[in-house]
Amino acid sequence: MSYLQRIKYLVRHHGPKAVAAKCLGLVGDRWFDWRHGVDNNTPLQLDSYTIVGESRQNATSYGASRFLPLRRLFRLLRERLPGEGVFVDFGCGNGKVLLVAAYCGVRRVRGVEFARELCNLAKANWARFCARTGTAPASGEFFEGDVATYACQPDETMYFIYNPFDKVILEKVLANLNASLHAHPRPLAIIICNPDEIYQRVMREHPEFPLVQTPRFWGYPFFIYMNQPG
């Protein structure tokens, strides 16, 4: 299929507005990478990576996060994230979400990734981003490990998930979050990008994290859950 044929196919099946938004989204991604000297184009294929932990069978395919919808999301979250609270990305891949978070003013970010090569790429991207922007390198941390066994820290107040694992791991993550909240009570938010019905059902089974908002930016839906809605 030629490039022109592909465009015609997309317009016919998704409409011109959706195709235009997708094209603008790709342009935004390329601009962000070029501006900050980072690599967010490496294919995210788990089969070719060294995996840490026992959750490989529960992993799903990675979805590329887009700069433009993330920028809108962080503008919305700006008032919800305490100044000293840490923003965490579970399954951070190449670190794209954390880079955009820092770009949008989030002071401290933390990524957890079980694929060694991706975690190393995220660290390299962070170093280049900091060199370009003057961001303090220590404001970002990256952990190579399994989110199912990750010990949530008391300074973490916001968690981002873009369907990198199945319901089995999601349940373990929620159990870990509840244990952390029991030991260190605090306002806490969970943001899930484009959750499927299984994810939504799991979250409905956890009333301690009620759904408080479902904004959609550039075609991407974000479901925001909070333990203490404000």
Protein backbone atom coordinates (compact mmCIF):
# COMPACT_ATOMS: atom_id res chain seq x y z
CA MET A 1 0.00 0.00 0.00
CA SER A 2 1.47 3.35 -1.05
CA TYR A 3 1.62 6.33 1.31
CA LEU A 4 -1.24 8.05 -0.55
CA GLN A 5 -3.35 4.90 -0.46
CA ARG A 6 -2.76 4.58 3.27
CA ILE A 7 -3.92 8.17 3.85
CA LYS A 8 -7.06 7.53 1.79
CA TYR A 9 -7.73 4.37 3.78
CA LEU A 10 -7.35 6.17 7.11
CA VAL A 11 -9.57 9.06 6.01
CA ARG A 12 -12.26 6.66 4.80
CA HIS A 13 -12.27 4.57 7.98
CA HIS A 14 -11.49 7.17 10.66
CA GLY A 15 -12.46 10.52 9.17
CA PRO A 16 -10.35 13.53 8.16
CA LYS A 17 -10.31 15.09 11.64
CA ALA A 18 -8.89 11.96 13.24
CA VAL A 19 -6.25 11.62 10.53
CA ALA A 20 -5.28 15.30 10.85
CA ALA A 21 -4.98 14.93 14.63
CA LYS A 22 -2.79 11.85 14.20
CA CYS A 23 -0.51 13.65 11.74
CA LEU A 24 -0.19 16.66 14.05
CA GLY A 25 0.53 14.29 16.92
CA LEU A 26 3.39 12.70 15.01
CA VAL A 27 4.79 16.13 14.16
CA GLY A 28 4.61 17.08 17.84
CA ASP A 29 6.50 13.92 18.80
CA ARG A 30 9.25 14.57 16.25
CA TRP A 31 9.58 18.17 17.42
CA PHE A 32 9.87 17.14 21.07
CA ASP A 33 12.55 14.54 20.29
CA TRP A 34 14.52 16.94 18.08
CA ARG A 35 14.26 19.82 20.53
CA HIS A 36 15.58 17.77 23.44
CA GLY A 37 17.94 15.42 21.62
CA VAL A 38 16.19 12.25 22.79
CA ASP A 39 15.39 8.92 21.14
CA ASN A 40 11.75 7.91 21.41
CA ASN A 41 11.61 6.05 18.10
CA THR A 42 13.22 2.78 19.16
CA PRO A 43 10.72 -0.07 18.52
CA LEU A 44 9.27 -1.37 21.78
CA GLN A 45 9.32 -5.12 21.10
CA LEU A 46 9.59 -7.14 24.31
CA ASP A 47 10.81 -10.29 22.57
CA SER A 48 14.18 -8.69 21.88
CA TYR A 49 14.82 -7.39 25.42
CA THR A 50 16.32 -8.73 28.63
CA ILE A 51 13.44 -8.94 31.11
CA VAL A 52 13.81 -8.51 34.87
CA GLY A 53 11.29 -10.26 37.13
CA GLU A 54 8.68 -12.95 36.65
CA SER A 55 5.95 -10.91 34.95
CA ARG A 56 6.98 -11.31 31.32
CA GLN A 57 4.00 -13.56 30.57
CA ASN A 58 1.71 -10.83 31.92
CA ALA A 59 3.17 -8.06 29.79
CA THR A 60 1.25 -6.57 26.89
CA SER A 61 2.53 -4.68 23.87
CA TYR A 62 3.84 -1.19 24.57
CA GLY A 63 1.89 1.78 23.28
CA ALA A 64 3.73 4.91 22.23
CA SER A 65 2.78 7.92 24.35
CA ARG A 66 2.21 11.16 22.44
CA PHE A 67 3.58 14.55 23.38
CA LEU A 68 0.53 16.70 22.57
CA PRO A 69 -2.07 14.77 24.62
CA LEU A 70 0.41 14.37 27.47
CA ARG A 71 1.06 18.11 27.52
CA ARG A 72 -2.66 18.76 27.85
CA LEU A 73 -2.90 16.13 30.59
CA PHE A 74 -0.13 17.68 32.68
CA ARG A 75 -1.70 21.11 32.35
CA LEU A 76 -4.85 19.60 33.84
CA LEU A 77 -2.94 17.82 36.61
CA ARG A 78 -0.80 20.81 37.54
CA GLU A 79 -3.03 21.80 40.46
CA ARG A 80 -3.54 18.21 41.64
CA LEU A 81 0.13 17.23 42.01
CA PRO A 82 1.69 18.55 45.24
CA GLY A 83 4.88 20.50 44.66
CA GLU A 84 7.07 17.86 46.29
CA GLY A 85 5.09 14.82 45.16
CA VAL A 86 6.75 12.34 42.82
CA PHE A 87 5.15 11.34 39.52
CA VAL A 88 5.69 7.64 38.72
CA ASP A 89 5.33 5.84 35.39
CA PHE A 90 4.77 2.08 35.74
CA GLY A 91 6.30 0.46 32.65
CA CYS A 92 8.07 3.63 31.59
CA GLY A 93 9.64 2.21 28.42
CA ASN A 94 12.00 4.78 26.90
CA GLY A 95 10.97 7.41 29.46
CA LYS A 96 8.82 9.55 27.14
CA VAL A 97 6.04 10.25 29.67
CA LEU A 98 8.54 11.30 32.34
CA LEU A 99 10.35 13.62 29.93
CA VAL A 100 7.09 15.34 29.04
CA ALA A 101 6.16 15.54 32.74
CA ALA A 102 9.43 17.32 33.51
CA TYR A 103 8.97 19.55 30.45
CA CYS A 104 5.55 20.55 31.82
CA GLY A 105 6.91 21.47 35.24
CA VAL A 106 6.63 18.31 37.32
CA ARG A 107 9.52 18.61 39.76
CA ARG A 108 10.30 14.95 40.45
CA VAL A 109 9.71 11.88 38.30
CA ARG A 110 10.37 8.17 38.70
CA GLY A 111 10.15 5.32 36.20
CA VAL A 112 9.89 1.56 36.69
CA GLU A 113 10.76 -0.68 33.74
CA PHE A 114 11.48 -4.41 33.63
CA ALA A 115 13.17 -4.47 30.20
CA ARG A 116 16.85 -3.74 30.78
CA GLU A 117 17.53 -2.18 27.38
CA LEU A 118 14.52 0.13 27.63
CA CYS A 119 15.45 1.19 31.15
CA ASN A 120 18.96 2.04 29.94
CA LEU A 121 17.47 3.99 27.03
CA ALA A 122 15.21 5.90 29.44
CA LYS A 123 18.24 6.82 31.55
CA ALA A 124 20.14 7.99 28.45
CA ASN A 125 17.15 10.04 27.27
CA TRP A 126 16.88 11.62 30.71
CA ALA A 127 20.57 12.58 30.70
CA ARG A 128 20.25 14.22 27.28
CA PHE A 129 17.02 15.98 28.27
CA CYS A 130 18.65 17.38 31.42
CA ALA A 131 21.67 18.58 29.45
CA ARG A 132 19.43 20.42 26.98
CA THR A 133 17.00 21.92 29.49
CA GLY A 134 19.08 22.48 32.62
CA THR A 135 16.83 20.10 34.58
CA ALA A 136 18.52 18.66 37.66
CA PRO A 137 19.50 15.05 36.83
CA ALA A 138 18.71 13.97 40.41
CA SER A 139 15.05 14.97 39.92
CA GLY A 140 14.53 11.84 37.82
CA GLU A 141 15.05 8.23 38.89
CA PHE A 142 14.75 5.01 36.89
CA PHE A 143 14.44 1.54 38.38
CA GLU A 144 15.04 -1.64 36.45
CA GLY A 145 12.57 -4.05 37.98
CA ASP A 146 9.12 -5.60 38.09
CA VAL A 147 6.22 -3.28 38.94
CA ALA A 148 4.50 -6.22 40.66
CA THR A 149 7.15 -6.20 43.38
CA TYR A 150 7.97 -2.50 43.37
CA ALA A 151 7.84 -0.95 46.84
CA CYS A 152 5.81 2.24 46.49
CA GLN A 153 7.47 5.14 48.28
CA PRO A 154 5.74 7.59 50.65
CA ASP A 155 6.79 10.58 48.51
CA GLU A 156 4.91 9.26 45.46
CA THR A 157 1.53 10.88 44.85
CA MET A 158 0.69 10.20 41.21
CA TYR A 159 1.00 7.04 39.13
CA PHE A 160 0.70 6.70 35.35
CA ILE A 161 -0.21 3.48 33.52
CA TYR A 162 -0.60 2.96 29.77
CA ASN A 163 -1.74 -0.69 29.71
CA PRO A 164 1.77 -2.24 29.84
CA PHE A 165 0.56 -5.30 31.76
CA ASP A 166 -2.55 -7.43 32.26
CA LYS A 167 -5.10 -7.52 35.10
CA VAL A 168 -2.98 -9.92 37.18
CA ILE A 169 -0.22 -7.34 37.52
CA LEU A 170 -2.69 -4.47 37.86
CA GLU A 171 -4.20 -6.19 40.90
CA LYS A 172 -0.74 -6.59 42.43
CA VAL A 173 0.05 -2.94 41.76
CA LEU A 174 -3.17 -1.85 43.46
CA ALA A 175 -2.42 -4.09 46.44
CA ASN A 176 1.02 -2.50 46.75
CA LEU A 177 -0.50 0.98 46.55
CA ASN A 178 -3.01 0.14 49.27
CA ALA A 179 -0.23 -1.20 51.49
CA SER A 180 1.75 2.00 50.95
CA LEU A 181 -1.29 4.14 51.76
CA HIS A 182 -1.94 2.15 54.92
CA ALA A 183 1.63 2.79 56.08
CA HIS A 184 1.80 6.37 54.79
CA PRO A 185 -1.67 7.94 54.30
CA ARG A 186 -1.68 10.61 51.58
CA PRO A 187 -3.72 11.85 48.62
CA LEU A 188 -2.92 9.68 45.64
CA ALA A 189 -3.95 9.64 41.99
CA ILE A 190 -3.78 6.90 39.35
CA ILE A 191 -3.94 7.96 35.69
CA ILE A 192 -4.62 5.25 33.12
CA CYS A 193 -4.34 6.11 29.45
CA ASN A 194 -6.87 4.44 27.17
CA PRO A 195 -7.88 1.64 29.57
CA ASP A 196 -9.66 -1.33 28.04
CA GLU A 197 -12.83 -2.79 29.56
CA ILE A 198 -10.84 -5.26 31.68
CA TYR A 199 -8.82 -2.45 33.25
CA GLN A 200 -11.96 -0.44 33.87
CA ARG A 201 -13.66 -3.41 35.52
CA VAL A 202 -10.69 -4.03 37.82
CA MET A 203 -10.72 -0.39 38.87
CA ARG A 204 -14.48 -0.50 39.54
CA GLU A 205 -13.79 -3.39 41.91
CA HIS A 206 -11.56 -1.06 43.95
CA PRO A 207 -13.88 1.63 45.34
CA GLU A 208 -11.01 3.02 47.39
CA PHE A 209 -9.88 4.57 44.08
CA PRO A 210 -13.02 6.18 42.62
CA LEU A 211 -13.02 7.52 39.09
CA VAL A 212 -13.08 11.32 39.27
CA GLN A 213 -12.42 12.50 35.72
CA THR A 214 -12.18 11.17 32.14
CA PRO A 215 -10.65 13.87 29.94
CA ARG A 216 -9.84 13.18 26.30
CA PHE A 217 -6.99 14.99 24.55
CA TRP A 218 -6.14 14.59 20.87
CA GLY A 219 -8.21 11.41 20.77
CA TYR A 220 -6.55 9.83 23.81
CA PRO A 221 -8.82 9.13 26.83
CA PHE A 222 -7.34 9.42 30.31
CA PHE A 223 -9.11 7.92 33.33
CA ILE A 224 -8.14 9.64 36.59
CA TYR A 225 -8.73 7.82 39.87
CA MET A 226 -8.09 9.35 43.30
CA ASN A 227 -8.27 7.94 46.81
CA GLN A 228 -9.26 11.34 48.21
CA PRO A 229 -11.16 13.24 45.51
CA GLY A 230 -10.86 16.98 45.94
